[in-house]
């Protein structure tokens, strides 16, 4: 059975002091949660402070991005080894905002995947379609290309350290969410794609999480789907009450369905 993973992406929010306050609140509220992996992705400036607060708890810290080279003349960039040194256990890669705003392509993202895995951290690879691509009927073709290219030369062993996050771009920060049935269909497709690329065992063991306006009032319906293993949470992760409610979704629903 795949262990649920709930990750909070704080994006470009929170000063160091604000990040520490939120981390402390979450450590208190989630102290008794042991059956879900919890990940916080603060801005780069607050990673070490948040990691120190979360030391000794079940909460892990993630970087929101990284550069594929370990060091060099790359002004303004942060490497995977530096993120690990700062306290990260995960790194989010290929987020739609990186793809759209910063024009990152699959080849560049794939290089980051290998950098993160080489640094002995877990990679969260984001994939997803625009509304135009969905309406044009290109959804599965887009996902196929993003996953095939994003996982290029990633071995079966390395897949044990990789999470895929499906985030329909049209649902991020818009308040719109793919219906639980639509999300389930896409997650099942991704799992089938992984089976063809690797093996049934890799497909069954890889966690595929959903991102796109996840909130306390829709997490239960999403997690009731057998192939949805968690969530990449944006805005709701900035509020300790909301994020805690998402982490504490009714587990009996997910455990029953994922065991089918």
C-alpha atoms as a PDB file:
ATOM      1  CA  UNK A   1       0.000   0.000   0.000  1.00  0.00           C
ATOM      2  CA  UNK A   2       1.341   3.417  -0.995  1.00  0.00           C
ATOM      3  CA  UNK A   3       1.732   5.841   1.894  1.00  0.00           C
ATOM      4  CA  UNK A   4      -0.083   9.139   1.255  1.00  0.00           C
ATOM      5  CA  UNK A   5       2.056  12.240   0.753  1.00  0.00           C
ATOM      6  CA  UNK A   6       0.799  15.772   1.343  1.00  0.00           C
ATOM      7  CA  UNK A   7       3.186  18.559   0.296  1.00  0.00           C
ATOM      8  CA  UNK A   8       2.707  22.273   0.877  1.00  0.00           C
ATOM      9  CA  UNK A   9       4.257  24.583  -1.706  1.00  0.00           C
ATOM     10  CA  UNK A  10       4.569  28.028  -0.127  1.00  0.00           C
ATOM     11  CA  UNK A  11       5.821  29.571  -3.386  1.00  0.00           C
ATOM     12  CA  UNK A  12       6.932  33.208  -3.043  1.00  0.00           C
ATOM     13  CA  UNK A  13       5.351  33.724   0.362  1.00  0.00           C
ATOM     14  CA  UNK A  14       6.575  34.123   3.936  1.00  0.00           C
ATOM     15  CA  UNK A  15       9.519  35.949   5.434  1.00  0.00           C
ATOM     16  CA  UNK A  16      11.837  33.848   7.603  1.00  0.00           C
ATOM     17  CA  UNK A  17       9.944  34.880  10.726  1.00  0.00           C
ATOM     18  CA  UNK A  18       6.564  34.109   9.170  1.00  0.00           C
ATOM     19  CA  UNK A  19       7.822  30.769   7.880  1.00  0.00           C
ATOM     20  CA  UNK A  20       9.090  29.816  11.339  1.00  0.00           C
ATOM     21  CA  UNK A  21       5.746  30.717  12.898  1.00  0.00           C
ATOM     22  CA  UNK A  22       3.825  28.600  10.379  1.00  0.00           C
ATOM     23  CA  UNK A  23       6.230  25.681  10.762  1.00  0.00           C
ATOM     24  CA  UNK A  24       5.854  25.756  14.545  1.00  0.00           C
ATOM     25  CA  UNK A  25       2.058  25.756  14.249  1.00  0.00           C
ATOM     26  CA  UNK A  26       2.147  22.791  11.879  1.00  0.00           C
ATOM     27  CA  UNK A  27       4.570  20.815  14.040  1.00  0.00           C
ATOM     28  CA  UNK A  28       2.146  21.231  16.934  1.00  0.00           C
ATOM     29  CA  UNK A  29      -1.003  20.427  14.970  1.00  0.00           C
ATOM     30  CA  UNK A  30       0.479  17.442  13.117  1.00  0.00           C
ATOM     31  CA  UNK A  31       2.549  15.932  15.930  1.00  0.00           C
ATOM     32  CA  UNK A  32       0.427  12.766  16.044  1.00  0.00           C
ATOM     33  CA  UNK A  33       0.293  12.123  12.279  1.00  0.00           C
ATOM     34  CA  UNK A  34       2.344   9.072  11.364  1.00  0.00           C
ATOM     35  CA  UNK A  35       0.457   7.499   8.464  1.00  0.00           C
ATOM     36  CA  UNK A  36       1.059  10.303   5.959  1.00  0.00           C
ATOM     37  CA  UNK A  37       4.310  11.781   4.676  1.00  0.00           C
ATOM     38  CA  UNK A  38       4.222  15.558   5.203  1.00  0.00           C
ATOM     39  CA  UNK A  39       6.429  17.906   3.195  1.00  0.00           C
ATOM     40  CA  UNK A  40       6.808  21.692   3.409  1.00  0.00           C
ATOM     41  CA  UNK A  41       8.409  23.727   0.614  1.00  0.00           C
ATOM     42  CA  UNK A  42       9.232  27.191   1.967  1.00  0.00           C
ATOM     43  CA  UNK A  43      11.070  29.857  -0.044  1.00  0.00           C
ATOM     44  CA  UNK A  44      14.823  29.321  -0.297  1.00  0.00           C
ATOM     45  CA  UNK A  45      15.566  31.942   2.367  1.00  0.00           C
ATOM     46  CA  UNK A  46      13.569  30.048   5.012  1.00  0.00           C
ATOM     47  CA  UNK A  47      14.579  26.442   4.251  1.00  0.00           C
ATOM     48  CA  UNK A  48      17.189  26.070   6.992  1.00  0.00           C
ATOM     49  CA  UNK A  49      15.023  27.771   9.613  1.00  0.00           C
ATOM     50  CA  UNK A  50      12.009  25.576   8.795  1.00  0.00           C
ATOM     51  CA  UNK A  51      14.152  22.433   8.620  1.00  0.00           C
ATOM     52  CA  UNK A  52      15.567  23.140  12.087  1.00  0.00           C
ATOM     53  CA  UNK A  53      12.082  23.579  13.543  1.00  0.00           C
ATOM     54  CA  UNK A  54      10.886  20.346  11.925  1.00  0.00           C
ATOM     55  CA  UNK A  55      13.877  18.290  13.088  1.00  0.00           C
ATOM     56  CA  UNK A  56      12.682  15.312  15.090  1.00  0.00           C
ATOM     57  CA  UNK A  57       9.136  15.480  13.666  1.00  0.00           C
ATOM     58  CA  UNK A  58       7.489  13.636  10.795  1.00  0.00           C
ATOM     59  CA  UNK A  59       7.613  16.780   8.649  1.00  0.00           C
ATOM     60  CA  UNK A  60      10.226  16.945   5.889  1.00  0.00           C
ATOM     61  CA  UNK A  61      11.347  19.995   3.906  1.00  0.00           C
ATOM     62  CA  UNK A  62      11.531  20.473   0.146  1.00  0.00           C
ATOM     63  CA  UNK A  63      13.126  22.923  -2.229  1.00  0.00           C
ATOM     64  CA  UNK A  64      10.791  24.516  -4.760  1.00  0.00           C
ATOM     65  CA  UNK A  65      13.316  24.169  -7.587  1.00  0.00           C
ATOM     66  CA  UNK A  66      17.020  23.648  -8.227  1.00  0.00           C
ATOM     67  CA  UNK A  67      19.683  24.086 -10.893  1.00  0.00           C
ATOM     68  CA  UNK A  68      21.029  20.886 -12.495  1.00  0.00           C
ATOM     69  CA  UNK A  69      24.729  21.657 -11.981  1.00  0.00           C
ATOM     70  CA  UNK A  70      26.235  21.060  -8.508  1.00  0.00           C
ATOM     71  CA  UNK A  71      28.285  24.274  -8.590  1.00  0.00           C
ATOM     72  CA  UNK A  72      29.700  26.891 -10.948  1.00  0.00           C
ATOM     73  CA  UNK A  73      29.205  30.373 -12.355  1.00  0.00           C
ATOM     74  CA  UNK A  74      25.389  30.355 -12.249  1.00  0.00           C
ATOM     75  CA  UNK A  75      24.459  33.576 -10.495  1.00  0.00           C
ATOM     76  CA  UNK A  76      21.177  33.406  -8.637  1.00  0.00           C
ATOM     77  CA  UNK A  77      20.790  29.632  -8.817  1.00  0.00           C
ATOM     78  CA  UNK A  78      20.703  26.987  -6.075  1.00  0.00           C
ATOM     79  CA  UNK A  79      22.049  23.455  -6.545  1.00  0.00           C
ATOM     80  CA  UNK A  80      20.704  20.135  -5.319  1.00  0.00           C
ATOM     81  CA  UNK A  81      23.665  19.550  -2.953  1.00  0.00           C
ATOM     82  CA  UNK A  82      23.107  23.014  -1.467  1.00  0.00           C
ATOM     83  CA  UNK A  83      19.431  22.223  -0.878  1.00  0.00           C
ATOM     84  CA  UNK A  84      20.311  18.969   0.846  1.00  0.00           C
ATOM     85  CA  UNK A  85      22.879  20.804   2.970  1.00  0.00           C
ATOM     86  CA  UNK A  86      20.185  23.325   3.949  1.00  0.00           C
ATOM     87  CA  UNK A  87      17.930  20.521   5.208  1.00  0.00           C
ATOM     88  CA  UNK A  88      15.873  19.392   2.229  1.00  0.00           C
ATOM     89  CA  UNK A  89      14.749  15.815   1.658  1.00  0.00           C
ATOM     90  CA  UNK A  90      12.630  16.574  -1.430  1.00  0.00           C
ATOM     91  CA  UNK A  91      12.752  18.967  -4.387  1.00  0.00           C
ATOM     92  CA  UNK A  92       9.796  20.051  -6.545  1.00  0.00           C
ATOM     93  CA  UNK A  93      10.689  20.059 -10.254  1.00  0.00           C
ATOM     94  CA  UNK A  94       8.875  21.069 -13.420  1.00  0.00           C
ATOM     95  CA  UNK A  95       6.140  23.018 -11.664  1.00  0.00           C
ATOM     96  CA  UNK A  96       3.848  24.646 -14.216  1.00  0.00           C
ATOM     97  CA  UNK A  97       4.994  28.091 -13.094  1.00  0.00           C
ATOM     98  CA  UNK A  98       8.583  27.106 -13.905  1.00  0.00           C
ATOM     99  CA  UNK A  99       7.480  25.732 -17.274  1.00  0.00           C
ATOM    100  CA  UNK A 100       5.298  28.704 -18.212  1.00  0.00           C
ATOM    101  CA  UNK A 101       6.927  31.753 -16.610  1.00  0.00           C
ATOM    102  CA  UNK A 102      10.553  30.653 -16.903  1.00  0.00           C
ATOM    103  CA  UNK A 103      10.219  28.596 -20.107  1.00  0.00           C
ATOM    104  CA  UNK A 104      11.775  25.449 -18.652  1.00  0.00           C
ATOM    105  CA  UNK A 105      11.549  22.519 -21.070  1.00  0.00           C
ATOM    106  CA  UNK A 106      11.475  18.768 -20.476  1.00  0.00           C
ATOM    107  CA  UNK A 107      15.190  18.310 -21.183  1.00  0.00           C
ATOM    108  CA  UNK A 108      16.176  20.915 -18.598  1.00  0.00           C
ATOM    109  CA  UNK A 109      13.738  19.465 -16.070  1.00  0.00           C
ATOM    110  CA  UNK A 110      15.079  15.964 -16.687  1.00  0.00           C
ATOM    111  CA  UNK A 111      18.603  17.198 -15.902  1.00  0.00           C
ATOM    112  CA  UNK A 112      17.250  18.542 -12.604  1.00  0.00           C
ATOM    113  CA  UNK A 113      15.615  15.200 -11.823  1.00  0.00           C
ATOM    114  CA  UNK A 114      18.970  13.466 -12.158  1.00  0.00           C
ATOM    115  CA  UNK A 115      20.700  16.149 -10.088  1.00  0.00           C
ATOM    116  CA  UNK A 116      18.232  15.682  -7.232  1.00  0.00           C
ATOM    117  CA  UNK A 117      18.458  11.892  -7.340  1.00  0.00           C
ATOM    118  CA  UNK A 118      22.248  12.098  -7.476  1.00  0.00           C
ATOM    119  CA  UNK A 119      22.153  14.236  -4.335  1.00  0.00           C
ATOM    120  CA  UNK A 120      20.183  11.483  -2.575  1.00  0.00           C
ATOM    121  CA  UNK A 121      16.918  13.387  -2.268  1.00  0.00           C
ATOM    122  CA  UNK A 122      13.440  12.624  -3.550  1.00  0.00           C
ATOM    123  CA  UNK A 123      12.226  14.369  -6.689  1.00  0.00           C
ATOM    124  CA  UNK A 124       8.621  15.513  -7.103  1.00  0.00           C
ATOM    125  CA  UNK A 125       8.161  15.758 -10.880  1.00  0.00           C
ATOM    126  CA  UNK A 126       5.208  17.944 -11.868  1.00  0.00           C
ATOM    127  CA  UNK A 127       3.284  17.370 -15.094  1.00  0.00           C
ATOM    128  CA  UNK A 128       0.054  18.808 -16.435  1.00  0.00           C
ATOM    129  CA  UNK A 129      -1.840  20.367 -19.289  1.00  0.00           C
ATOM    130  CA  UNK A 130      -3.200  23.806 -20.077  1.00  0.00           C
ATOM    131  CA  UNK A 131      -6.932  24.355 -20.556  1.00  0.00           C
ATOM    132  CA  UNK A 132      -6.340  24.837 -24.277  1.00  0.00           C
ATOM    133  CA  UNK A 133      -4.513  21.503 -24.529  1.00  0.00           C
ATOM    134  CA  UNK A 134      -7.279  19.729 -22.631  1.00  0.00           C
ATOM    135  CA  UNK A 135     -10.047  21.225 -24.752  1.00  0.00           C
ATOM    136  CA  UNK A 136      -8.113  20.329 -27.912  1.00  0.00           C
ATOM    137  CA  UNK A 137      -8.003  16.706 -26.804  1.00  0.00           C
ATOM    138  CA  UNK A 138      -4.217  16.691 -26.313  1.00  0.00           C
ATOM    139  CA  UNK A 139      -4.238  15.895 -22.580  1.00  0.00           C
ATOM    140  CA  UNK A 140      -2.768  12.391 -22.730  1.00  0.00           C
ATOM    141  CA  UNK A 141      -0.286  13.240 -25.473  1.00  0.00           C
ATOM    142  CA  UNK A 142       1.026  16.159 -23.389  1.00  0.00           C
ATOM    143  CA  UNK A 143       1.392  13.977 -20.308  1.00  0.00           C
ATOM    144  CA  UNK A 144       3.043  11.211 -22.287  1.00  0.00           C
ATOM    145  CA  UNK A 145       5.688  13.585 -23.635  1.00  0.00           C
ATOM    146  CA  UNK A 146       6.306  15.292 -20.280  1.00  0.00           C
ATOM    147  CA  UNK A 147       6.694  12.005 -18.416  1.00  0.00           C
ATOM    148  CA  UNK A 148       8.729  10.172 -21.051  1.00  0.00           C
ATOM    149  CA  UNK A 149      11.130  13.108 -21.385  1.00  0.00           C
ATOM    150  CA  UNK A 150      11.119  14.043 -17.714  1.00  0.00           C
ATOM    151  CA  UNK A 151      12.078  10.501 -16.707  1.00  0.00           C
ATOM    152  CA  UNK A 152      14.580   9.966 -19.516  1.00  0.00           C
ATOM    153  CA  UNK A 153      17.414   7.676 -18.348  1.00  0.00           C
ATOM    154  CA  UNK A 154      15.837   7.332 -14.903  1.00  0.00           C
ATOM    155  CA  UNK A 155      16.345   3.752 -13.751  1.00  0.00           C
ATOM    156  CA  UNK A 156      13.854   1.491 -12.027  1.00  0.00           C
ATOM    157  CA  UNK A 157      15.894   1.776  -8.836  1.00  0.00           C
ATOM    158  CA  UNK A 158      15.848   5.574  -9.026  1.00  0.00           C
ATOM    159  CA  UNK A 159      12.069   5.510  -9.422  1.00  0.00           C
ATOM    160  CA  UNK A 160      11.882   4.457  -5.787  1.00  0.00           C
ATOM    161  CA  UNK A 161      12.900   8.045  -4.965  1.00  0.00           C
ATOM    162  CA  UNK A 162      10.523   9.834  -7.315  1.00  0.00           C
ATOM    163  CA  UNK A 163       6.987  11.177  -6.914  1.00  0.00           C
ATOM    164  CA  UNK A 164       4.857  12.382  -9.819  1.00  0.00           C
ATOM    165  CA  UNK A 165       2.504  15.318  -9.248  1.00  0.00           C
ATOM    166  CA  UNK A 166      -0.308  15.786 -11.752  1.00  0.00           C
ATOM    167  CA  UNK A 167      -1.359  19.428 -11.732  1.00  0.00           C
ATOM    168  CA  UNK A 168      -3.723  20.631 -14.452  1.00  0.00           C
ATOM    169  CA  UNK A 169      -2.414  24.130 -15.134  1.00  0.00           C
ATOM    170  CA  UNK A 170      -5.901  25.576 -15.476  1.00  0.00           C
ATOM    171  CA  UNK A 171      -6.661  24.546 -11.870  1.00  0.00           C
ATOM    172  CA  UNK A 172      -3.617  26.079 -10.163  1.00  0.00           C
ATOM    173  CA  UNK A 173      -4.464  29.139  -8.101  1.00  0.00           C
ATOM    174  CA  UNK A 174      -7.766  29.580  -9.920  1.00  0.00           C
ATOM    175  CA  UNK A 175     -10.093  27.980  -7.419  1.00  0.00           C
ATOM    176  CA  UNK A 176     -11.028  25.434 -10.081  1.00  0.00           C
ATOM    177  CA  UNK A 177     -10.322  21.783  -9.403  1.00  0.00           C
ATOM    178  CA  UNK A 178     -10.515  18.818 -11.716  1.00  0.00           C
ATOM    179  CA  UNK A 179     -13.384  16.610 -10.618  1.00  0.00           C
ATOM    180  CA  UNK A 180     -12.232  13.658  -8.559  1.00  0.00           C
ATOM    181  CA  UNK A 181     -13.316  11.381 -11.406  1.00  0.00           C
ATOM    182  CA  UNK A 182     -11.350  13.356 -14.012  1.00  0.00           C
ATOM    183  CA  UNK A 183      -8.285  13.410 -11.762  1.00  0.00           C
ATOM    184  CA  UNK A 184      -8.640   9.667 -11.156  1.00  0.00           C
ATOM    185  CA  UNK A 185      -8.721   9.001 -14.897  1.00  0.00           C
ATOM    186  CA  UNK A 186      -5.491  10.929 -15.424  1.00  0.00           C
ATOM    187  CA  UNK A 187      -3.750   9.301 -12.467  1.00  0.00           C
ATOM    188  CA  UNK A 188      -4.733   5.862 -13.773  1.00  0.00           C
ATOM    189  CA  UNK A 189      -3.342   6.815 -17.185  1.00  0.00           C
ATOM    190  CA  UNK A 190      -0.034   7.917 -15.638  1.00  0.00           C
ATOM    191  CA  UNK A 191       0.189   4.672 -13.673  1.00  0.00           C
ATOM    192  CA  UNK A 192      -0.424   2.710 -16.850  1.00  0.00           C
ATOM    193  CA  UNK A 193       2.252   4.725 -18.623  1.00  0.00           C
ATOM    194  CA  UNK A 194       4.749   3.900 -15.875  1.00  0.00           C
ATOM    195  CA  UNK A 195       3.870   0.233 -16.196  1.00  0.00           C
ATOM    196  CA  UNK A 196       4.754   0.337 -19.874  1.00  0.00           C
ATOM    197  CA  UNK A 197       7.957   2.273 -19.244  1.00  0.00           C
ATOM    198  CA  UNK A 198       9.126   0.173 -16.301  1.00  0.00           C
ATOM    199  CA  UNK A 199       7.088  -2.649 -14.770  1.00  0.00           C
ATOM    200  CA  UNK A 200       3.810  -3.346 -12.953  1.00  0.00           C
ATOM    201  CA  UNK A 201       5.687  -3.224  -9.638  1.00  0.00           C
ATOM    202  CA  UNK A 202       7.188   0.210 -10.322  1.00  0.00           C
ATOM    203  CA  UNK A 203       3.804   1.490 -11.476  1.00  0.00           C
ATOM    204  CA  UNK A 204       2.091   0.236  -8.329  1.00  0.00           C
ATOM    205  CA  UNK A 205       4.758   1.537  -5.975  1.00  0.00           C
ATOM    206  CA  UNK A 206       5.189   5.043  -7.435  1.00  0.00           C
ATOM    207  CA  UNK A 207       3.193   7.719  -5.657  1.00  0.00           C
ATOM    208  CA  UNK A 208       1.159   9.987  -7.936  1.00  0.00           C
ATOM    209  CA  UNK A 209      -0.253  13.047  -6.191  1.00  0.00           C
ATOM    210  CA  UNK A 210      -2.688  15.731  -7.353  1.00  0.00           C
ATOM    211  CA  UNK A 211      -2.137  19.484  -7.380  1.00  0.00           C
ATOM    212  CA  UNK A 212      -4.567  22.225  -8.323  1.00  0.00           C
ATOM    213  CA  UNK A 213      -6.595  24.268  -5.811  1.00  0.00           C
ATOM    214  CA  UNK A 214      -6.625  21.481  -3.218  1.00  0.00           C
ATOM    215  CA  UNK A 215      -8.599  22.515  -0.138  1.00  0.00           C
ATOM    216  CA  UNK A 216     -10.033  20.905   3.004  1.00  0.00           C
ATOM    217  CA  UNK A 217     -13.422  20.565   1.326  1.00  0.00           C
ATOM    218  CA  UNK A 218     -12.211  18.603  -1.718  1.00  0.00           C
ATOM    219  CA  UNK A 219      -9.338  16.496  -0.367  1.00  0.00           C
ATOM    220  CA  UNK A 220     -11.589  13.634   0.776  1.00  0.00           C
ATOM    221  CA  UNK A 221     -13.154  13.173  -2.661  1.00  0.00           C
ATOM    222  CA  UNK A 222      -9.726  13.221  -4.281  1.00  0.00           C
ATOM    223  CA  UNK A 223      -8.195  10.784  -1.818  1.00  0.00           C
ATOM    224  CA  UNK A 224     -11.122   8.404  -2.248  1.00  0.00           C
ATOM    225  CA  UNK A 225      -9.722   7.609  -5.704  1.00  0.00           C
ATOM    226  CA  UNK A 226      -7.500   4.525  -5.761  1.00  0.00           C
ATOM    227  CA  UNK A 227      -4.714   6.038  -7.873  1.00  0.00           C
ATOM    228  CA  UNK A 228      -4.469   9.403  -6.086  1.00  0.00           C
ATOM    229  CA  UNK A 229      -1.815   9.136  -3.396  1.00  0.00           C
ATOM    230  CA  UNK A 230      -1.755  12.634  -1.973  1.00  0.00           C
ATOM    231  CA  UNK A 231      -1.674  16.293  -2.870  1.00  0.00           C
ATOM    232  CA  UNK A 232       0.619  19.151  -3.798  1.00  0.00           C
ATOM    233  CA  UNK A 233      -1.078  22.030  -2.005  1.00  0.00           C
ATOM    234  CA  UNK A 234      -0.591  25.687  -2.873  1.00  0.00           C
ATOM    235  CA  UNK A 235      -2.596  28.472  -1.255  1.00  0.00           C
ATOM    236  CA  UNK A 236      -4.177  26.312   1.432  1.00  0.00           C
ATOM    237  CA  UNK A 237      -0.709  25.324   2.691  1.00  0.00           C
ATOM    238  CA  UNK A 238      -0.148  28.893   3.876  1.00  0.00           C
ATOM    239  CA  UNK A 239      -2.784  28.457   6.579  1.00  0.00           C
ATOM    240  CA  UNK A 240      -2.014  26.054   9.419  1.00  0.00           C
ATOM    241  CA  UNK A 241      -5.663  25.167  10.035  1.00  0.00           C
ATOM    242  CA  UNK A 242      -6.411  24.452   6.371  1.00  0.00           C
ATOM    243  CA  UNK A 243      -3.222  22.504   5.704  1.00  0.00           C
ATOM    244  CA  UNK A 244      -3.673  20.427   8.851  1.00  0.00           C
ATOM    245  CA  UNK A 245      -7.216  19.587   7.786  1.00  0.00           C
ATOM    246  CA  UNK A 246      -5.916  18.446   4.396  1.00  0.00           C
ATOM    247  CA  UNK A 247      -3.249  16.263   6.000  1.00  0.00           C
ATOM    248  CA  UNK A 248      -5.884  14.751   8.295  1.00  0.00           C
ATOM    249  CA  UNK A 249      -8.213  13.606   5.496  1.00  0.00           C
ATOM    250  CA  UNK A 250     -10.341  10.515   6.340  1.00  0.00           C
ATOM    251  CA  UNK A 251      -7.816   7.725   5.853  1.00  0.00           C
ATOM    252  CA  UNK A 252     -10.303   4.894   5.913  1.00  0.00           C
ATOM    253  CA  UNK A 253     -11.617   6.036   2.509  1.00  0.00           C
ATOM    254  CA  UNK A 254      -8.222   6.093   0.822  1.00  0.00           C
ATOM    255  CA  UNK A 255      -6.993   2.880   2.431  1.00  0.00           C
ATOM    256  CA  UNK A 256     -10.086   0.954   1.326  1.00  0.00           C
ATOM    257  CA  UNK A 257      -9.934   2.193  -2.256  1.00  0.00           C
ATOM    258  CA  UNK A 258      -6.143   1.915  -2.710  1.00  0.00           C
ATOM    259  CA  UNK A 259      -6.301  -1.717  -1.617  1.00  0.00           C
ATOM    260  CA  UNK A 260      -8.574  -2.666  -4.518  1.00  0.00           C
END
